[in-house]
Amino acid sequence: MEPRQLTALIVEDDMVIRMVHQKILNSVGLKIQVAENGKEAIEIHGSGQSFDLILMDRDMPVMNGIEATKTLRSMGINSMITGVSTRSVAAHIREFMEAGLDDYVEKP
């Protein structure tokens, strides 16, 4: 039996950042899907899909990463959610972490 391929959902409104994330995750063998905002991420999970890893941008149109993370957690989604943002202010990072993140990484 072949090992199951790990999956990741990239939730990011910036096309260039999405492409960078995709290139990195593809290089380690993850199967990738993308969403351009938090609402799309919620809809993808609502359709029954699940992921091992979710890379969640903080600041996006339609629904931001904080709202999306809270909603996913309230839906019982247990995937590892890593927040990604350019914000380095401790209060902003804490607010994002408290939404239900497992980890946080600052964008370069």
PDB file of N, CA and C in Angstrom:
ATOM      1  N   MET A   1       0.851  -1.181   0.000  1.00  0.00           N
ATOM      2  CA  MET A   1       0.000   0.000   0.000  1.00  0.00           C
ATOM      3  C   MET A   1       0.900   1.249   0.000  1.00  0.00           C
ATOM      4  N   GLU A   2       0.589   2.163  -0.902  1.00  0.00           N
ATOM      5  CA  GLU A   2       1.370   3.405  -0.993  1.00  0.00           C
ATOM      6  C   GLU A   2       1.036   4.329   0.163  1.00  0.00           C
ATOM      7  N   PRO A   3       2.042   5.060   0.650  1.00  0.00           N
ATOM      8  CA  PRO A   3       1.751   6.034   1.705  1.00  0.00           C
ATOM      9  C   PRO A   3       0.848   7.148   1.160  1.00  0.00           C
ATOM     10  N   ARG A   4       0.012   7.667   2.014  1.00  0.00           N
ATOM     11  CA  ARG A   4      -0.903   8.735   1.628  1.00  0.00           C
ATOM     12  C   ARG A   4      -0.121  10.027   1.408  1.00  0.00           C
ATOM     13  N   GLN A   5      -0.464  10.741   0.337  1.00  0.00           N
ATOM     14  CA  GLN A   5       0.204  12.011   0.057  1.00  0.00           C
ATOM     15  C   GLN A   5      -0.358  13.084   0.989  1.00  0.00           C
ATOM     16  N   LEU A   6       0.536  13.845   1.625  1.00  0.00           N
ATOM     17  CA  LEU A   6       0.109  14.934   2.493  1.00  0.00           C
ATOM     18  C   LEU A   6      -0.471  16.070   1.658  1.00  0.00           C
ATOM     19  N   THR A   7      -1.450  16.767   2.239  1.00  0.00           N
ATOM     20  CA  THR A   7      -2.142  17.825   1.509  1.00  0.00           C
ATOM     21  C   THR A   7      -2.031  19.152   2.250  1.00  0.00           C
ATOM     22  N   ALA A   8      -2.073  20.237   1.476  1.00  0.00           N
ATOM     23  CA  ALA A   8      -2.026  21.572   2.067  1.00  0.00           C
ATOM     24  C   ALA A   8      -2.992  22.496   1.337  1.00  0.00           C
ATOM     25  N   LEU A   9      -3.599  23.379   2.098  1.00  0.00           N
ATOM     26  CA  LEU A   9      -4.437  24.437   1.551  1.00  0.00           C
ATOM     27  C   LEU A   9      -3.722  25.754   1.806  1.00  0.00           C
ATOM     28  N   ILE A  10      -3.470  26.500   0.736  1.00  0.00           N
ATOM     29  CA  ILE A  10      -2.846  27.817   0.842  1.00  0.00           C
ATOM     30  C   ILE A  10      -3.955  28.852   0.733  1.00  0.00           C
ATOM     31  N   VAL A  11      -4.150  29.634   1.796  1.00  0.00           N
ATOM     32  CA  VAL A  11      -5.186  30.663   1.815  1.00  0.00           C
ATOM     33  C   VAL A  11      -4.465  32.003   1.778  1.00  0.00           C
ATOM     34  N   GLU A  12      -4.431  32.603   0.597  1.00  0.00           N
ATOM     35  CA  GLU A  12      -3.596  33.788   0.366  1.00  0.00           C
ATOM     36  C   GLU A  12      -4.157  34.575  -0.813  1.00  0.00           C
ATOM     37  N   ASP A  13      -4.340  35.884  -0.637  1.00  0.00           N
ATOM     38  CA  ASP A  13      -4.884  36.697  -1.723  1.00  0.00           C
ATOM     39  C   ASP A  13      -3.830  37.185  -2.703  1.00  0.00           C
ATOM     40  N   ASP A  14      -2.567  37.196  -2.320  1.00  0.00           N
ATOM     41  CA  ASP A  14      -1.496  37.679  -3.187  1.00  0.00           C
ATOM     42  C   ASP A  14      -0.971  36.543  -4.070  1.00  0.00           C
ATOM     43  N   MET A  15      -1.102  36.703  -5.393  1.00  0.00           N
ATOM     44  CA  MET A  15      -0.736  35.647  -6.331  1.00  0.00           C
ATOM     45  C   MET A  15       0.744  35.260  -6.216  1.00  0.00           C
ATOM     46  N   VAL A  16       1.633  36.223  -6.051  1.00  0.00           N
ATOM     47  CA  VAL A  16       3.061  35.927  -5.975  1.00  0.00           C
ATOM     48  C   VAL A  16       3.373  35.094  -4.730  1.00  0.00           C
ATOM     49  N   ILE A  17       2.813  35.500  -3.587  1.00  0.00           N
ATOM     50  CA  ILE A  17       3.035  34.744  -2.346  1.00  0.00           C
ATOM     51  C   ILE A  17       2.449  33.333  -2.485  1.00  0.00           C
ATOM     52  N   ARG A  18       1.262  33.223  -3.096  1.00  0.00           N
ATOM     53  CA  ARG A  18       0.664  31.891  -3.327  1.00  0.00           C
ATOM     54  C   ARG A  18       1.612  31.016  -4.133  1.00  0.00           C
ATOM     55  N   MET A  19       2.212  31.580  -5.186  1.00  0.00           N
ATOM     56  CA  MET A  19       3.119  30.817  -6.040  1.00  0.00           C
ATOM     57  C   MET A  19       4.371  30.395  -5.269  1.00  0.00           C
ATOM     58  N   VAL A  20       4.891  31.261  -4.410  1.00  0.00           N
ATOM     59  CA  VAL A  20       6.061  30.916  -3.595  1.00  0.00           C
ATOM     60  C   VAL A  20       5.717  29.762  -2.653  1.00  0.00           C
ATOM     61  N   HIS A  21       4.579  29.875  -1.961  1.00  0.00           N
ATOM     62  CA  HIS A  21       4.148  28.794  -1.066  1.00  0.00           C
ATOM     63  C   HIS A  21       3.981  27.484  -1.840  1.00  0.00           C
ATOM     64  N   GLN A  22       3.340  27.550  -3.007  1.00  0.00           N
ATOM     65  CA  GLN A  22       3.119  26.353  -3.813  1.00  0.00           C
ATOM     66  C   GLN A  22       4.440  25.703  -4.199  1.00  0.00           C
ATOM     67  N   LYS A  23       5.389  26.502  -4.644  1.00  0.00           N
ATOM     68  CA  LYS A  23       6.693  25.968  -5.068  1.00  0.00           C
ATOM     69  C   LYS A  23       7.389  25.262  -3.900  1.00  0.00           C
ATOM     70  N   ILE A  24       7.378  25.891  -2.741  1.00  0.00           N
ATOM     71  CA  ILE A  24       8.032  25.293  -1.566  1.00  0.00           C
ATOM     72  C   ILE A  24       7.338  23.989  -1.163  1.00  0.00           C
ATOM     73  N   LEU A  25       6.017  24.017  -1.062  1.00  0.00           N
ATOM     74  CA  LEU A  25       5.290  22.826  -0.610  1.00  0.00           C
ATOM     75  C   LEU A  25       5.320  21.704  -1.644  1.00  0.00           C
ATOM     76  N   ASN A  26       5.269  22.064  -2.935  1.00  0.00           N
ATOM     77  CA  ASN A  26       5.389  21.034  -3.980  1.00  0.00           C
ATOM     78  C   ASN A  26       6.754  20.372  -3.936  1.00  0.00           C
ATOM     79  N   SER A  27       7.788  21.138  -3.592  1.00  0.00           N
ATOM     80  CA  SER A  27       9.144  20.591  -3.579  1.00  0.00           C
ATOM     81  C   SER A  27       9.324  19.508  -2.515  1.00  0.00           C
ATOM     82  N   VAL A  28       8.478  19.517  -1.496  1.00  0.00           N
ATOM     83  CA  VAL A  28       8.554  18.469  -0.472  1.00  0.00           C
ATOM     84  C   VAL A  28       7.430  17.430  -0.629  1.00  0.00           C
ATOM     85  N   GLY A  29       6.736  17.496  -1.771  1.00  0.00           N
ATOM     86  CA  GLY A  29       5.795  16.446  -2.121  1.00  0.00           C
ATOM     87  C   GLY A  29       4.360  16.609  -1.647  1.00  0.00           C
ATOM     88  N   LEU A  30       3.985  17.790  -1.181  1.00  0.00           N
ATOM     89  CA  LEU A  30       2.602  17.983  -0.748  1.00  0.00           C
ATOM     90  C   LEU A  30       1.690  18.255  -1.937  1.00  0.00           C
ATOM     91  N   LYS A  31       0.478  17.758  -1.853  1.00  0.00           N
ATOM     92  CA  LYS A  31      -0.553  18.058  -2.843  1.00  0.00           C
ATOM     93  C   LYS A  31      -1.209  19.372  -2.400  1.00  0.00           C
ATOM     94  N   ILE A  32      -1.297  20.341  -3.302  1.00  0.00           N
ATOM     95  CA  ILE A  32      -1.696  21.702  -2.952  1.00  0.00           C
ATOM     96  C   ILE A  32      -3.060  22.063  -3.532  1.00  0.00           C
ATOM     97  N   GLN A  33      -3.817  22.808  -2.741  1.00  0.00           N
ATOM     98  CA  GLN A  33      -5.010  23.486  -3.236  1.00  0.00           C
ATOM     99  C   GLN A  33      -4.912  24.923  -2.734  1.00  0.00           C
ATOM    100  N   VAL A  34      -5.527  25.867  -3.459  1.00  0.00           N
ATOM    101  CA  VAL A  34      -5.447  27.266  -3.046  1.00  0.00           C
ATOM    102  C   VAL A  34      -6.833  27.871  -2.875  1.00  0.00           C
ATOM    103  N   ALA A  35      -6.881  28.861  -1.982  1.00  0.00           N
ATOM    104  CA  ALA A  35      -8.068  29.684  -1.790  1.00  0.00           C
ATOM    105  C   ALA A  35      -7.578  31.131  -1.715  1.00  0.00           C
ATOM    106  N   GLU A  36      -8.334  32.049  -2.288  1.00  0.00           N
ATOM    107  CA  GLU A  36      -7.886  33.440  -2.329  1.00  0.00           C
ATOM    108  C   GLU A  36      -8.340  34.264  -1.131  1.00  0.00           C
ATOM    109  N   ASN A  37      -9.194  33.688  -0.280  1.00  0.00           N
ATOM    110  CA  ASN A  37      -9.625  34.386   0.937  1.00  0.00           C
ATOM    111  C   ASN A  37     -10.209  33.360   1.911  1.00  0.00           C
ATOM    112  N   GLY A  38     -10.477  33.828   3.113  1.00  0.00           N
ATOM    113  CA  GLY A  38     -10.979  32.938   4.143  1.00  0.00           C
ATOM    114  C   GLY A  38     -12.319  32.310   3.827  1.00  0.00           C
ATOM    115  N   LYS A  39     -13.188  33.061   3.148  1.00  0.00           N
ATOM    116  CA  LYS A  39     -14.515  32.531   2.797  1.00  0.00           C
ATOM    117  C   LYS A  39     -14.365  31.313   1.886  1.00  0.00           C
ATOM    118  N   GLU A  40     -13.451  31.394   0.914  1.00  0.00           N
ATOM    119  CA  GLU A  40     -13.219  30.244   0.032  1.00  0.00           C
ATOM    120  C   GLU A  40     -12.704  29.047   0.830  1.00  0.00           C
ATOM    121  N   ALA A  41     -11.841  29.297   1.803  1.00  0.00           N
ATOM    122  CA  ALA A  41     -11.315  28.209   2.634  1.00  0.00           C
ATOM    123  C   ALA A  41     -12.441  27.517   3.395  1.00  0.00           C
ATOM    124  N   ILE A  42     -13.366  28.301   3.931  1.00  0.00           N
ATOM    125  CA  ILE A  42     -14.523  27.748   4.659  1.00  0.00           C
ATOM    126  C   ILE A  42     -15.376  26.913   3.709  1.00  0.00           C
ATOM    127  N   GLU A  43     -15.627  27.442   2.506  1.00  0.00           N
ATOM    128  CA  GLU A  43     -16.457  26.728   1.527  1.00  0.00           C
ATOM    129  C   GLU A  43     -15.809  25.410   1.100  1.00  0.00           C
ATOM    130  N   ILE A  44     -14.488  25.415   0.914  1.00  0.00           N
ATOM    131  CA  ILE A  44     -13.776  24.191   0.526  1.00  0.00           C
ATOM    132  C   ILE A  44     -13.947  23.122   1.611  1.00  0.00           C
ATOM    133  N   HIS A  45     -13.792  23.523   2.875  1.00  0.00           N
ATOM    134  CA  HIS A  45     -13.980  22.572   3.972  1.00  0.00           C
ATOM    135  C   HIS A  45     -15.442  22.154   4.100  1.00  0.00           C
ATOM    136  N   GLY A  46     -16.360  23.077   3.833  1.00  0.00           N
ATOM    137  CA  GLY A  46     -17.782  22.768   3.876  1.00  0.00           C
ATOM    138  C   GLY A  46     -18.186  21.723   2.853  1.00  0.00           C
ATOM    139  N   SER A  47     -17.401  21.626   1.768  1.00  0.00           N
ATOM    140  CA  SER A  47     -17.700  20.637   0.729  1.00  0.00           C
ATOM    141  C   SER A  47     -17.152  19.254   1.100  1.00  0.00           C
ATOM    142  N   GLY A  48     -16.505  19.173   2.273  1.00  0.00           N
ATOM    143  CA  GLY A  48     -16.037  17.879   2.749  1.00  0.00           C
ATOM    144  C   GLY A  48     -14.555  17.618   2.563  1.00  0.00           C
ATOM    145  N   GLN A  49     -13.834  18.544   1.955  1.00  0.00           N
ATOM    146  CA  GLN A  49     -12.397  18.348   1.783  1.00  0.00           C
ATOM    147  C   GLN A  49     -11.673  18.616   3.099  1.00  0.00           C
ATOM    148  N   SER A  50     -10.521  17.977   3.268  1.00  0.00           N
ATOM    149  CA  SER A  50      -9.704  18.230   4.455  1.00  0.00           C
ATOM    150  C   SER A  50      -8.240  18.245   4.054  1.00  0.00           C
ATOM    151  N   PHE A  51      -7.417  18.834   4.907  1.00  0.00           N
ATOM    152  CA  PHE A  51      -6.006  19.039   4.604  1.00  0.00           C
ATOM    153  C   PHE A  51      -5.173  18.759   5.849  1.00  0.00           C
ATOM    154  N   ASP A  52      -3.933  18.354   5.615  1.00  0.00           N
ATOM    155  CA  ASP A  52      -3.013  18.144   6.725  1.00  0.00           C
ATOM    156  C   ASP A  52      -2.490  19.477   7.247  1.00  0.00           C
ATOM    157  N   LEU A  53      -2.304  20.433   6.338  1.00  0.00           N
ATOM    158  CA  LEU A  53      -1.746  21.737   6.670  1.00  0.00           C
ATOM    159  C   LEU A  53      -2.544  22.830   5.977  1.00  0.00           C
ATOM    160  N   ILE A  54      -2.791  23.913   6.707  1.00  0.00           N
ATOM    161  CA  ILE A  54      -3.411  25.101   6.122  1.00  0.00           C
ATOM    162  C   ILE A  54      -2.471  26.270   6.391  1.00  0.00           C
ATOM    163  N   LEU A  55      -2.006  26.931   5.319  1.00  0.00           N
ATOM    164  CA  LEU A  55      -1.240  28.173   5.461  1.00  0.00           C
ATOM    165  C   LEU A  55      -2.237  29.309   5.315  1.00  0.00           C
ATOM    166  N   MET A  56      -2.417  30.081   6.376  1.00  0.00           N
ATOM    167  CA  MET A  56      -3.474  31.093   6.428  1.00  0.00           C
ATOM    168  C   MET A  56      -2.886  32.496   6.505  1.00  0.00           C
ATOM    169  N   ASP A  57      -3.137  33.290   5.462  1.00  0.00           N
ATOM    170  CA  ASP A  57      -2.737  34.696   5.492  1.00  0.00           C
ATOM    171  C   ASP A  57      -3.627  35.419   6.496  1.00  0.00           C
ATOM    172  N   ARG A  58      -3.110  36.467   7.114  1.00  0.00           N
ATOM    173  CA  ARG A  58      -3.890  37.214   8.102  1.00  0.00           C
ATOM    174  C   ARG A  58      -4.814  38.230   7.444  1.00  0.00           C
ATOM    175  N   ASP A  59      -4.272  39.017   6.526  1.00  0.00           N
ATOM    176  CA  ASP A  59      -5.015  40.137   5.943  1.00  0.00           C
ATOM    177  C   ASP A  59      -5.433  39.821   4.509  1.00  0.00           C
ATOM    178  N   MET A  60      -6.733  39.564   4.334  1.00  0.00           N
ATOM    179  CA  MET A  60      -7.289  39.255   3.014  1.00  0.00           C
ATOM    180  C   MET A  60      -8.646  39.921   2.877  1.00  0.00           C
ATOM    181  N   PRO A  61      -9.067  40.179   1.630  1.00  0.00           N
ATOM    182  CA  PRO A  61     -10.418  40.703   1.426  1.00  0.00           C
ATOM    183  C   PRO A  61     -11.463  39.608   1.673  1.00  0.00           C
ATOM    184  N   VAL A  62     -12.704  39.979   1.737  1.00  0.00           N
ATOM    185  CA  VAL A  62     -13.875  39.107   1.919  1.00  0.00           C
ATOM    186  C   VAL A  62     -13.920  38.537   3.337  1.00  0.00           C
ATOM    187  N   MET A  63     -12.945  37.703   3.722  1.00  0.00           N
ATOM    188  CA  MET A  63     -12.847  37.196   5.089  1.00  0.00           C
ATOM    189  C   MET A  63     -11.369  37.042   5.426  1.00  0.00           C
ATOM    190  N   ASN A  64     -10.944  37.689   6.515  1.00  0.00           N
ATOM    191  CA  ASN A  64      -9.527  37.638   6.882  1.00  0.00           C
ATOM    192  C   ASN A  64      -9.177  36.309   7.567  1.00  0.00           C
ATOM    193  N   GLY A  65      -7.890  36.130   7.809  1.00  0.00           N
ATOM    194  CA  GLY A  65      -7.406  34.875   8.372  1.00  0.00           C
ATOM    195  C   GLY A  65      -7.844  34.624   9.796  1.00  0.00           C
ATOM    196  N   ILE A  66      -8.038  35.693  10.560  1.00  0.00           N
ATOM    197  CA  ILE A  66      -8.498  35.525  11.946  1.00  0.00           C
ATOM    198  C   ILE A  66      -9.915  34.955  11.961  1.00  0.00           C
ATOM    199  N   GLU A  67     -10.819  35.583  11.191  1.00  0.00           N
ATOM    200  CA  GLU A  67     -12.198  35.094  11.125  1.00  0.00           C
ATOM    201  C   GLU A  67     -12.254  33.678  10.561  1.00  0.00           C
ATOM    202  N   ALA A  68     -11.478  33.431   9.507  1.00  0.00           N
ATOM    203  CA  ALA A  68     -11.494  32.110   8.867  1.00  0.00           C
ATOM    204  C   ALA A  68     -10.985  31.032   9.819  1.00  0.00           C
ATOM    205  N   THR A  69      -9.914  31.333  10.551  1.00  0.00           N
ATOM    206  CA  THR A  69      -9.369  30.357  11.494  1.00  0.00           C
ATOM    207  C   THR A  69     -10.380  30.047  12.591  1.00  0.00           C
ATOM    208  N   LYS A  70     -11.002  31.078  13.158  1.00  0.00           N
ATOM    209  CA  LYS A  70     -12.024  30.865  14.192  1.00  0.00           C
ATOM    210  C   LYS A  70     -13.165  30.002  13.650  1.00  0.00           C
ATOM    211  N   THR A  71     -13.595  30.294  12.426  1.00  0.00           N
ATOM    212  CA  THR A  71     -14.707  29.536  11.836  1.00  0.00           C
ATOM    213  C   THR A  71     -14.311  28.091  11.591  1.00  0.00           C
ATOM    214  N   LEU A  72     -13.107  27.871  11.044  1.00  0.00           N
ATOM    215  CA  LEU A  72     -12.655  26.495  10.807  1.00  0.00           C
ATOM    216  C   LEU A  72     -12.580  25.712  12.110  1.00  0.00           C
ATOM    217  N   ARG A  73     -12.047  26.322  13.147  1.00  0.00           N
ATOM    218  CA  ARG A  73     -11.960  25.631  14.448  1.00  0.00           C
ATOM    219  C   ARG A  73     -13.353  25.333  14.988  1.00  0.00           C
ATOM    220  N   SER A  74     -14.303  26.272  14.807  1.00  0.00           N
ATOM    221  CA  SER A  74     -15.672  26.038  15.301  1.00  0.00           C
ATOM    222  C   SER A  74     -16.368  24.938  14.511  1.00  0.00           C
ATOM    223  N   MET A  75     -15.889  24.679  13.289  1.00  0.00           N
ATOM    224  CA  MET A  75     -16.426  23.593  12.453  1.00  0.00           C
ATOM    225  C   MET A  75     -15.803  22.246  12.829  1.00  0.00           C
ATOM    226  N   GLY A  76     -14.848  22.264  13.770  1.00  0.00           N
ATOM    227  CA  GLY A  76     -14.195  21.032  14.185  1.00  0.00           C
ATOM    228  C   GLY A  76     -12.996  20.652  13.337  1.00  0.00           C
ATOM    229  N   ILE A  77     -12.493  21.591  12.547  1.00  0.00           N
ATOM    230  CA  ILE A  77     -11.326  21.328  11.704  1.00  0.00           C
ATOM    231  C   ILE A  77     -10.085  21.259  12.588  1.00  0.00           C
ATOM    232  N   ASN A  78      -9.396  20.126  12.555  1.00  0.00           N
ATOM    233  CA  ASN A  78      -8.224  19.911  13.408  1.00  0.00           C
ATOM    234  C   ASN A  78      -6.900  19.976  12.643  1.00  0.00           C
ATOM    235  N   SER A  79      -6.938  20.375  11.384  1.00  0.00           N
ATOM    236  CA  SER A  79      -5.715  20.496  10.581  1.00  0.00           C
ATOM    237  C   SER A  79      -4.735  21.430  11.277  1.00  0.00           C
ATOM    238  N   MET A  80      -3.441  21.240  10.997  1.00  0.00           N
ATOM    239  CA  MET A  80      -2.457  22.204  11.481  1.00  0.00           C
ATOM    240  C   MET A  80      -2.658  23.494  10.688  1.00  0.00           C
ATOM    241  N   ILE A  81      -2.915  24.599  11.388  1.00  0.00           N
ATOM    242  CA  ILE A  81      -3.084  25.897  10.730  1.00  0.00           C
ATOM    243  C   ILE A  81      -1.910  26.778  11.131  1.00  0.00           C
ATOM    244  N   THR A  82      -1.149  27.195  10.116  1.00  0.00           N
ATOM    245  CA  THR A  82      -0.029  28.100  10.329  1.00  0.00           C
ATOM    246  C   THR A  82      -0.391  29.450   9.757  1.00  0.00           C
ATOM    247  N   GLY A  83      -0.373  30.457  10.608  1.00  0.00           N
ATOM    248  CA  GLY A  83      -0.652  31.818  10.171  1.00  0.00           C
ATOM    249  C   GLY A  83       0.573  32.413   9.506  1.00  0.00           C
ATOM    250  N   VAL A  84       0.331  33.204   8.461  1.00  0.00           N
ATOM    251  CA  VAL A  84       1.413  33.841   7.721  1.00  0.00           C
ATOM    252  C   VAL A  84       1.037  35.308   7.539  1.00  0.00           C
ATOM    253  N   SER A  85       1.960  36.206   7.915  1.00  0.00           N
ATOM    254  CA  SER A  85       1.646  37.629   7.816  1.00  0.00           C
ATOM    255  C   SER A  85       2.925  38.451   7.787  1.00  0.00           C
ATOM    256  N   THR A  86       2.794  39.688   7.336  1.00  0.00           N
ATOM    257  CA  THR A  86       3.910  40.631   7.385  1.00  0.00           C
ATOM    258  C   THR A  86       3.932  41.366   8.716  1.00  0.00           C
ATOM    259  N   ARG A  87       2.898  41.191   9.509  1.00  0.00           N
ATOM    260  CA  ARG A  87       2.805  41.909  10.778  1.00  0.00           C
ATOM    261  C   ARG A  87       3.749  41.307  11.810  1.00  0.00           C
ATOM    262  N   SER A  88       4.517  42.180  12.464  1.00  0.00           N
ATOM    263  CA  SER A  88       5.459  41.687  13.475  1.00  0.00           C
ATOM    264  C   SER A  88       5.146  42.238  14.865  1.00  0.00           C
ATOM    265  N   VAL A  89       4.075  43.027  14.999  1.00  0.00           N
ATOM    266  CA  VAL A  89       3.673  43.576  16.292  1.00  0.00           C
ATOM    267  C   VAL A  89       3.121  42.435  17.153  1.00  0.00           C
ATOM    268  N   ALA A  90       3.628  42.323  18.357  1.00  0.00           N
ATOM    269  CA  ALA A  90       3.259  41.211  19.246  1.00  0.00           C
ATOM    270  C   ALA A  90       1.742  41.085  19.432  1.00  0.00           C
ATOM    271  N   ALA A  91       1.040  42.196  19.581  1.00  0.00           N
ATOM    272  CA  ALA A  91      -0.415  42.153  19.798  1.00  0.00           C
ATOM    273  C   ALA A  91      -1.135  41.564  18.582  1.00  0.00           C
ATOM    274  N   HIS A  92      -0.672  41.876  17.379  1.00  0.00           N
ATOM    275  CA  HIS A  92      -1.292  41.340  16.165  1.00  0.00           C
ATOM    276  C   HIS A  92      -1.035  39.844  16.053  1.00  0.00           C
ATOM    277  N   ILE A  93       0.174  39.435  16.380  1.00  0.00           N
ATOM    278  CA  ILE A  93       0.519  38.011  16.342  1.00  0.00           C
ATOM    279  C   ILE A  93      -0.307  37.255  17.378  1.00  0.00           C
ATOM    280  N   ARG A  94      -0.407  37.793  18.582  1.00  0.00           N
ATOM    281  CA  ARG A  94      -1.178  37.149  19.654  1.00  0.00           C
ATOM    282  C   ARG A  94      -2.649  37.011  19.245  1.00  0.00           C
ATOM    283  N   GLU A  95      -3.225  38.076  18.664  1.00  0.00           N
ATOM    284  CA  GLU A  95      -4.630  38.032  18.229  1.00  0.00           C
ATOM    285  C   GLU A  95      -4.845  36.914  17.210  1.00  0.00           C
ATOM    286  N   PHE A  96      -3.904  36.764  16.270  1.00  0.00           N
ATOM    287  CA  PHE A  96      -3.989  35.724  15.249  1.00  0.00           C
ATOM    288  C   PHE A  96      -3.833  34.346  15.887  1.00  0.00           C
ATOM    289  N   MET A  97      -2.859  34.189  16.779  1.00  0.00           N
ATOM    290  CA  MET A  97      -2.645  32.906  17.468  1.00  0.00           C
ATOM    291  C   MET A  97      -3.880  32.502  18.262  1.00  0.00           C
ATOM    292  N   GLU A  98      -4.483  33.463  18.946  1.00  0.00           N
ATOM    293  CA  GLU A  98      -5.658  33.171  19.782  1.00  0.00           C
ATOM    294  C   GLU A  98      -6.873  32.763  18.963  1.00  0.00           C
ATOM    295  N   ALA A  99      -6.853  33.029  17.667  1.00  0.00           N
ATOM    296  CA  ALA A  99      -7.954  32.606  16.797  1.00  0.00           C
ATOM    297  C   ALA A  99      -7.963  31.091  16.620  1.00  0.00           C
ATOM    298  N   GLY A 100      -6.812  30.444  16.941  1.00  0.00           N
ATOM    299  CA  GLY A 100      -6.756  28.991  16.850  1.00  0.00           C
ATOM    300  C   GLY A 100      -5.596  28.459  16.024  1.00  0.00           C
ATOM    301  N   LEU A 101      -4.588  29.290  15.792  1.00  0.00           N
ATOM    302  CA  LEU A 101      -3.429  28.835  15.028  1.00  0.00           C
ATOM    303  C   LEU A 101      -2.599  27.829  15.823  1.00  0.00           C
ATOM    304  N   ASP A 102      -1.891  26.964  15.091  1.00  0.00           N
ATOM    305  CA  ASP A 102      -0.908  26.081  15.701  1.00  0.00           C
ATOM    306  C   ASP A 102       0.475  26.725  15.677  1.00  0.00           C
ATOM    307  N   ASP A 103       0.692  27.611  14.700  1.00  0.00           N
ATOM    308  CA  ASP A 103       1.995  28.253  14.550  1.00  0.00           C
ATOM    309  C   ASP A 103       1.806  29.547  13.764  1.00  0.00           C
ATOM    310  N   TYR A 104       2.841  30.379  13.780  1.00  0.00           N
ATOM    311  CA  TYR A 104       2.826  31.666  13.075  1.00  0.00           C
ATOM    312  C   TYR A 104       4.187  31.891  12.439  1.00  0.00           C
ATOM    313  N   VAL A 105       4.197  32.348  11.187  1.00  0.00           N
ATOM    314  CA  VAL A 105       5.435  32.644  10.479  1.00  0.00           C
ATOM    315  C   VAL A 105       5.299  34.024   9.854  1.00  0.00           C
ATOM    316  N   GLU A 106       6.348  34.817   9.992  1.00  0.00           N
ATOM    317  CA  GLU A 106       6.332  36.145   9.392  1.00  0.00           C
ATOM    318  C   GLU A 106       6.828  36.065   7.955  1.00  0.00           C
ATOM    319  N   LYS A 107       6.095  36.744   7.052  1.00  0.00           N
ATOM    320  CA  LYS A 107       6.527  36.805   5.655  1.00  0.00           C
ATOM    321  C   LYS A 107       7.797  37.658   5.572  1.00  0.00           C
ATOM    322  N   PRO A 108       8.693  37.320   4.644  1.00  0.00           N
ATOM    323  CA  PRO A 108       9.895  38.144   4.486  1.00  0.00           C
ATOM    324  C   PRO A 108       9.556  39.515   3.922  1.00  0.00           C
TER     325      PRO A 108
END
